[in-house]
Amino acid sequence: MTNDSAFSVFGLSPKFELDQSALESRYYELSKQLHPDRHSAGDAAARMKSQQLSALLNRAYLGLRTPEARLETLLEEAGALKETGKPVPPSQIPTDLAEEYFEIQEAVMEDDAKAVALVARFRATLELKKQQLTDEMFEMAKHVQWEAPNSGETSGKIEKILELRRQRSYVRSMLTNLDNLATVGATHG
């Protein structure tokens, strides 16, 4: 467990699809071996090493146990989330979503009776879009060769995942703003 890669902690190659049951079993097995209580009779150095390895194991498991966390771990370990100094290409903001949001803003501010229905419908649209973007990211992540993140084809796939991630972040932000807008509308009326 000398490499800090979440995957190497479990003796795995970096990839999106994992056997969740095997990961969990391996986590509990290693947890028992490394738990600081098992090393309480040892010297201070052994106890400290046990605590460090146990903490590393816990971080690695948290980074791999869900598809969402695993994708973030893969992107981080591939260096895709580091600031490079290069400008980030602008995300393709779905104009239809932005236009609909602005219409809802106007309806809420005008105390339009239809605003409640518009907000509910738009929330459903945004939730669906968020799920579609997540599904598309996860599907693409299955086909990335994470062992060679800088190769041409792999690099292009990672860039596409990052773009989908930015779009999803925008949709999440719209959902938060929609909640805030609905609150403002409720207090405005």
C-alpha atoms as a PDB file:
ATOM      1  CA  MET A   1       0.000   0.000   0.000  1.00  0.00           C
ATOM      2  CA  THR A   2       2.767   2.397  -0.860  1.00  0.00           C
ATOM      3  CA  ASN A   3       1.066   3.964  -3.884  1.00  0.00           C
ATOM      4  CA  ASP A   4      -1.674   6.379  -2.882  1.00  0.00           C
ATOM      5  CA  SER A   5      -3.889   5.442  -5.839  1.00  0.00           C
ATOM      6  CA  ALA A   6      -7.297   4.397  -4.540  1.00  0.00           C
ATOM      7  CA  PHE A   7      -7.249   1.488  -6.969  1.00  0.00           C
ATOM      8  CA  SER A   8      -3.775   0.279  -6.008  1.00  0.00           C
ATOM      9  CA  VAL A   9      -4.784   0.240  -2.332  1.00  0.00           C
ATOM     10  CA  PHE A  10      -7.151  -2.578  -3.280  1.00  0.00           C
ATOM     11  CA  GLY A  11      -4.795  -4.142  -5.831  1.00  0.00           C
ATOM     12  CA  LEU A  12      -7.021  -3.053  -8.726  1.00  0.00           C
ATOM     13  CA  SER A  13      -6.375  -1.536 -12.114  1.00  0.00           C
ATOM     14  CA  PRO A  14      -8.058   1.807 -12.643  1.00  0.00           C
ATOM     15  CA  LYS A  15     -11.402   1.265 -14.352  1.00  0.00           C
ATOM     16  CA  PHE A  16     -14.939   2.479 -13.951  1.00  0.00           C
ATOM     17  CA  GLU A  17     -16.717  -0.846 -13.649  1.00  0.00           C
ATOM     18  CA  LEU A  18     -15.902  -2.720 -10.462  1.00  0.00           C
ATOM     19  CA  ASP A  19     -17.345  -5.704  -8.665  1.00  0.00           C
ATOM     20  CA  GLN A  20     -18.934  -3.789  -5.789  1.00  0.00           C
ATOM     21  CA  SER A  21     -19.328  -6.868  -3.621  1.00  0.00           C
ATOM     22  CA  ALA A  22     -15.675  -7.856  -4.045  1.00  0.00           C
ATOM     23  CA  LEU A  23     -14.568  -4.289  -3.293  1.00  0.00           C
ATOM     24  CA  GLU A  24     -16.608  -4.219  -0.095  1.00  0.00           C
ATOM     25  CA  SER A  25     -15.317  -7.628   1.006  1.00  0.00           C
ATOM     26  CA  ARG A  26     -11.727  -6.583   0.365  1.00  0.00           C
ATOM     27  CA  TYR A  27     -12.312  -3.335   2.268  1.00  0.00           C
ATOM     28  CA  TYR A  28     -13.597  -5.159   5.363  1.00  0.00           C
ATOM     29  CA  GLU A  29     -10.763  -7.698   5.166  1.00  0.00           C
ATOM     30  CA  LEU A  30      -8.115  -4.961   4.993  1.00  0.00           C
ATOM     31  CA  SER A  31      -9.895  -2.907   7.661  1.00  0.00           C
ATOM     32  CA  LYS A  32      -9.602  -5.784  10.098  1.00  0.00           C
ATOM     33  CA  GLN A  33      -5.907  -6.242   9.308  1.00  0.00           C
ATOM     34  CA  LEU A  34      -5.036  -2.570   9.553  1.00  0.00           C
ATOM     35  CA  HIS A  35      -7.294  -1.402  12.357  1.00  0.00           C
ATOM     36  CA  PRO A  36      -5.238   0.556  14.910  1.00  0.00           C
ATOM     37  CA  ASP A  37      -6.662  -1.514  17.786  1.00  0.00           C
ATOM     38  CA  ARG A  38      -4.871  -4.569  16.395  1.00  0.00           C
ATOM     39  CA  HIS A  39      -1.586  -2.707  16.740  1.00  0.00           C
ATOM     40  CA  SER A  40      -2.113  -1.080  20.129  1.00  0.00           C
ATOM     41  CA  ALA A  41       0.515  -3.301  21.761  1.00  0.00           C
ATOM     42  CA  GLY A  42       3.152  -2.283  19.204  1.00  0.00           C
ATOM     43  CA  ASP A  43       5.551   0.610  19.450  1.00  0.00           C
ATOM     44  CA  ALA A  44       4.543   4.160  18.587  1.00  0.00           C
ATOM     45  CA  ALA A  45       5.864   3.884  15.031  1.00  0.00           C
ATOM     46  CA  ALA A  46       3.790   0.751  14.349  1.00  0.00           C
ATOM     47  CA  ARG A  47       0.659   2.382  15.784  1.00  0.00           C
ATOM     48  CA  MET A  48       1.230   5.505  13.682  1.00  0.00           C
ATOM     49  CA  LYS A  49       1.793   3.438  10.527  1.00  0.00           C
ATOM     50  CA  SER A  50      -1.400   1.480  11.242  1.00  0.00           C
ATOM     51  CA  GLN A  51      -3.380   4.702  11.645  1.00  0.00           C
ATOM     52  CA  GLN A  52      -1.971   6.117   8.406  1.00  0.00           C
ATOM     53  CA  LEU A  53      -2.712   2.943   6.432  1.00  0.00           C
ATOM     54  CA  SER A  54      -6.187   2.704   7.931  1.00  0.00           C
ATOM     55  CA  ALA A  55      -6.897   6.326   6.940  1.00  0.00           C
ATOM     56  CA  LEU A  56      -5.551   5.661   3.421  1.00  0.00           C
ATOM     57  CA  LEU A  57      -7.783   2.588   3.136  1.00  0.00           C
ATOM     58  CA  ASN A  58     -10.860   4.554   4.246  1.00  0.00           C
ATOM     59  CA  ARG A  59     -10.164   7.373   1.757  1.00  0.00           C
ATOM     60  CA  ALA A  60      -9.622   4.853  -1.040  1.00  0.00           C
ATOM     61  CA  TYR A  61     -12.848   3.033  -0.256  1.00  0.00           C
ATOM     62  CA  LEU A  62     -14.851   6.264  -0.145  1.00  0.00           C
ATOM     63  CA  GLY A  63     -13.375   7.148  -3.525  1.00  0.00           C
ATOM     64  CA  LEU A  64     -14.434   3.863  -5.117  1.00  0.00           C
ATOM     65  CA  ARG A  65     -17.621   2.715  -3.446  1.00  0.00           C
ATOM     66  CA  THR A  66     -20.129   4.602  -5.638  1.00  0.00           C
ATOM     67  CA  PRO A  67     -20.042   5.206  -9.389  1.00  0.00           C
ATOM     68  CA  GLU A  68     -20.080   8.974  -8.789  1.00  0.00           C
ATOM     69  CA  ALA A  69     -17.133   8.870  -6.383  1.00  0.00           C
ATOM     70  CA  ARG A  70     -15.292   6.387  -8.602  1.00  0.00           C
ATOM     71  CA  LEU A  71     -15.556   8.638 -11.649  1.00  0.00           C
ATOM     72  CA  GLU A  72     -14.259  11.604  -9.630  1.00  0.00           C
ATOM     73  CA  THR A  73     -11.377   9.436  -8.394  1.00  0.00           C
ATOM     74  CA  LEU A  74     -10.556   8.296 -11.919  1.00  0.00           C
ATOM     75  CA  LEU A  75     -10.587  11.874 -13.204  1.00  0.00           C
ATOM     76  CA  GLU A  76      -8.446  13.057 -10.284  1.00  0.00           C
ATOM     77  CA  GLU A  77      -5.926  10.233 -10.655  1.00  0.00           C
ATOM     78  CA  ALA A  78      -5.763  10.860 -14.417  1.00  0.00           C
ATOM     79  CA  GLY A  79      -4.862  14.479 -13.682  1.00  0.00           C
ATOM     80  CA  ALA A  80      -7.985  15.721 -15.465  1.00  0.00           C
ATOM     81  CA  LEU A  81      -9.157  17.861 -12.529  1.00  0.00           C
ATOM     82  CA  LYS A  82      -5.893  19.751 -12.056  1.00  0.00           C
ATOM     83  CA  GLU A  83      -5.640  23.398 -12.999  1.00  0.00           C
ATOM     84  CA  THR A  84      -3.550  23.470 -16.164  1.00  0.00           C
ATOM     85  CA  GLY A  85      -3.504  27.177 -16.844  1.00  0.00           C
ATOM     86  CA  LYS A  86      -5.254  26.518 -20.138  1.00  0.00           C
ATOM     87  CA  PRO A  87      -8.635  28.153 -20.510  1.00  0.00           C
ATOM     88  CA  VAL A  88     -11.552  25.825 -19.964  1.00  0.00           C
ATOM     89  CA  PRO A  89     -13.683  25.679 -23.093  1.00  0.00           C
ATOM     90  CA  PRO A  90     -17.103  27.170 -22.530  1.00  0.00           C
ATOM     91  CA  SER A  91     -19.760  24.575 -21.862  1.00  0.00           C
ATOM     92  CA  GLN A  92     -22.572  24.232 -24.285  1.00  0.00           C
ATOM     93  CA  ILE A  93     -25.355  25.554 -22.115  1.00  0.00           C
ATOM     94  CA  PRO A  94     -28.646  24.176 -23.345  1.00  0.00           C
ATOM     95  CA  THR A  95     -30.322  27.364 -24.589  1.00  0.00           C
ATOM     96  CA  ASP A  96     -33.781  25.832 -24.314  1.00  0.00           C
ATOM     97  CA  LEU A  97     -33.218  25.288 -20.580  1.00  0.00           C
ATOM     98  CA  ALA A  98     -31.892  28.816 -20.106  1.00  0.00           C
ATOM     99  CA  GLU A  99     -34.830  30.345 -21.993  1.00  0.00           C
ATOM    100  CA  GLU A 100     -37.361  28.329 -20.010  1.00  0.00           C
ATOM    101  CA  TYR A 101     -35.666  29.338 -16.752  1.00  0.00           C
ATOM    102  CA  PHE A 102     -35.903  33.036 -17.656  1.00  0.00           C
ATOM    103  CA  GLU A 103     -39.606  32.636 -18.465  1.00  0.00           C
ATOM    104  CA  ILE A 104     -40.153  31.054 -15.059  1.00  0.00           C
ATOM    105  CA  GLN A 105     -38.241  33.881 -13.377  1.00  0.00           C
ATOM    106  CA  GLU A 106     -40.594  36.389 -14.976  1.00  0.00           C
ATOM    107  CA  ALA A 107     -43.692  34.379 -14.053  1.00  0.00           C
ATOM    108  CA  VAL A 108     -42.586  34.063 -10.421  1.00  0.00           C
ATOM    109  CA  MET A 109     -41.781  37.766 -10.116  1.00  0.00           C
ATOM    110  CA  GLU A 110     -45.128  38.707 -11.645  1.00  0.00           C
ATOM    111  CA  ASP A 111     -46.969  36.445  -9.203  1.00  0.00           C
ATOM    112  CA  ASP A 112     -48.255  34.598 -12.171  1.00  0.00           C
ATOM    113  CA  ALA A 113     -50.577  31.803 -11.031  1.00  0.00           C
ATOM    114  CA  LYS A 114     -49.064  29.461 -13.587  1.00  0.00           C
ATOM    115  CA  ALA A 115     -45.605  29.857 -11.993  1.00  0.00           C
ATOM    116  CA  VAL A 116     -46.103  26.922  -9.594  1.00  0.00           C
ATOM    117  CA  ALA A 117     -46.925  24.555 -12.437  1.00  0.00           C
ATOM    118  CA  LEU A 118     -44.061  25.928 -14.545  1.00  0.00           C
ATOM    119  CA  VAL A 119     -41.599  25.421 -11.693  1.00  0.00           C
ATOM    120  CA  ALA A 120     -42.770  21.839 -11.123  1.00  0.00           C
ATOM    121  CA  ARG A 121     -42.565  20.973 -14.823  1.00  0.00           C
ATOM    122  CA  PHE A 122     -39.165  22.616 -15.217  1.00  0.00           C
ATOM    123  CA  ARG A 123     -37.841  20.845 -12.109  1.00  0.00           C
ATOM    124  CA  ALA A 124     -38.824  17.512 -13.679  1.00  0.00           C
ATOM    125  CA  THR A 125     -37.117  18.535 -16.934  1.00  0.00           C
ATOM    126  CA  LEU A 126     -33.925  19.484 -15.091  1.00  0.00           C
ATOM    127  CA  GLU A 127     -33.908  16.288 -13.020  1.00  0.00           C
ATOM    128  CA  LEU A 128     -34.278  14.241 -16.198  1.00  0.00           C
ATOM    129  CA  LYS A 129     -31.494  16.184 -17.923  1.00  0.00           C
ATOM    130  CA  LYS A 130     -29.221  15.716 -14.899  1.00  0.00           C
ATOM    131  CA  GLN A 131     -29.855  11.963 -14.964  1.00  0.00           C
ATOM    132  CA  GLN A 132     -29.243  11.787 -18.723  1.00  0.00           C
ATOM    133  CA  LEU A 133     -25.923  13.603 -18.363  1.00  0.00           C
ATOM    134  CA  THR A 134     -24.910  11.329 -15.478  1.00  0.00           C
ATOM    135  CA  ASP A 135     -25.822   8.212 -17.446  1.00  0.00           C
ATOM    136  CA  GLU A 136     -23.891   9.452 -20.478  1.00  0.00           C
ATOM    137  CA  MET A 137     -20.815  10.197 -18.336  1.00  0.00           C
ATOM    138  CA  PHE A 138     -20.927   6.786 -16.689  1.00  0.00           C
ATOM    139  CA  GLU A 139     -21.364   5.001 -20.014  1.00  0.00           C
ATOM    140  CA  MET A 140     -18.430   6.862 -21.521  1.00  0.00           C
ATOM    141  CA  ALA A 141     -16.288   6.184 -18.432  1.00  0.00           C
ATOM    142  CA  LYS A 142     -16.747   2.447 -18.997  1.00  0.00           C
ATOM    143  CA  HIS A 143     -14.913   2.751 -22.320  1.00  0.00           C
ATOM    144  CA  VAL A 144     -11.937   4.834 -21.216  1.00  0.00           C
ATOM    145  CA  GLN A 145      -8.529   3.219 -20.851  1.00  0.00           C
ATOM    146  CA  TRP A 146      -7.777   4.800 -17.506  1.00  0.00           C
ATOM    147  CA  GLU A 147      -4.286   3.235 -17.361  1.00  0.00           C
ATOM    148  CA  ALA A 148      -3.234   5.544 -20.236  1.00  0.00           C
ATOM    149  CA  PRO A 149      -5.211   8.765 -19.697  1.00  0.00           C
ATOM    150  CA  ASN A 150      -2.981  10.880 -21.941  1.00  0.00           C
ATOM    151  CA  SER A 151      -3.264   8.779 -25.087  1.00  0.00           C
ATOM    152  CA  GLY A 152      -5.102  10.488 -27.941  1.00  0.00           C
ATOM    153  CA  GLU A 153      -8.410   8.620 -27.958  1.00  0.00           C
ATOM    154  CA  THR A 154      -8.545   8.292 -24.177  1.00  0.00           C
ATOM    155  CA  SER A 155      -7.760  11.968 -23.709  1.00  0.00           C
ATOM    156  CA  GLY A 156     -10.628  12.880 -26.039  1.00  0.00           C
ATOM    157  CA  LYS A 157     -13.044  10.701 -24.076  1.00  0.00           C
ATOM    158  CA  ILE A 158     -11.934  12.250 -20.813  1.00  0.00           C
ATOM    159  CA  GLU A 159     -12.494  15.733 -22.276  1.00  0.00           C
ATOM    160  CA  LYS A 160     -16.009  14.681 -23.291  1.00  0.00           C
ATOM    161  CA  ILE A 161     -16.666  13.394 -19.757  1.00  0.00           C
ATOM    162  CA  LEU A 162     -15.427  16.718 -18.367  1.00  0.00           C
ATOM    163  CA  GLU A 163     -17.771  18.602 -20.704  1.00  0.00           C
ATOM    164  CA  LEU A 164     -20.722  16.454 -19.605  1.00  0.00           C
ATOM    165  CA  ARG A 165     -19.661  17.056 -15.993  1.00  0.00           C
ATOM    166  CA  ARG A 166     -19.664  20.840 -16.577  1.00  0.00           C
ATOM    167  CA  GLN A 167     -23.113  20.646 -18.179  1.00  0.00           C
ATOM    168  CA  ARG A 168     -24.417  18.602 -15.274  1.00  0.00           C
ATOM    169  CA  SER A 169     -22.952  21.123 -12.848  1.00  0.00           C
ATOM    170  CA  TYR A 170     -24.831  23.848 -14.708  1.00  0.00           C
ATOM    171  CA  VAL A 171     -28.076  21.853 -14.460  1.00  0.00           C
ATOM    172  CA  ARG A 172     -27.485  21.276 -10.735  1.00  0.00           C
ATOM    173  CA  SER A 173     -26.931  24.998 -10.320  1.00  0.00           C
ATOM    174  CA  MET A 174     -30.182  25.675 -12.169  1.00  0.00           C
ATOM    175  CA  LEU A 175     -31.993  23.314  -9.774  1.00  0.00           C
ATOM    176  CA  THR A 176     -30.586  25.194  -6.788  1.00  0.00           C
ATOM    177  CA  ASN A 177     -31.525  28.515  -8.376  1.00  0.00           C
ATOM    178  CA  LEU A 178     -34.993  27.170  -9.083  1.00  0.00           C
ATOM    179  CA  ASP A 179     -35.401  26.315  -5.401  1.00  0.00           C
ATOM    180  CA  ASN A 180     -34.260  29.805  -4.460  1.00  0.00           C
ATOM    181  CA  LEU A 181     -36.563  31.343  -7.063  1.00  0.00           C
ATOM    182  CA  ALA A 182     -39.542  29.382  -5.772  1.00  0.00           C
ATOM    183  CA  THR A 183     -38.734  30.592  -2.249  1.00  0.00           C
ATOM    184  CA  VAL A 184     -38.499  34.206  -3.428  1.00  0.00           C
ATOM    185  CA  GLY A 185     -41.768  33.811  -5.316  1.00  0.00           C
ATOM    186  CA  ALA A 186     -43.489  32.411  -2.246  1.00  0.00           C
ATOM    187  CA  THR A 187     -42.366  35.328  -0.084  1.00  0.00           C
ATOM    188  CA  HIS A 188     -42.958  37.855  -2.872  1.00  0.00           C
ATOM    189  CA  GLY A 189     -46.650  37.014  -3.141  1.00  0.00           C
END
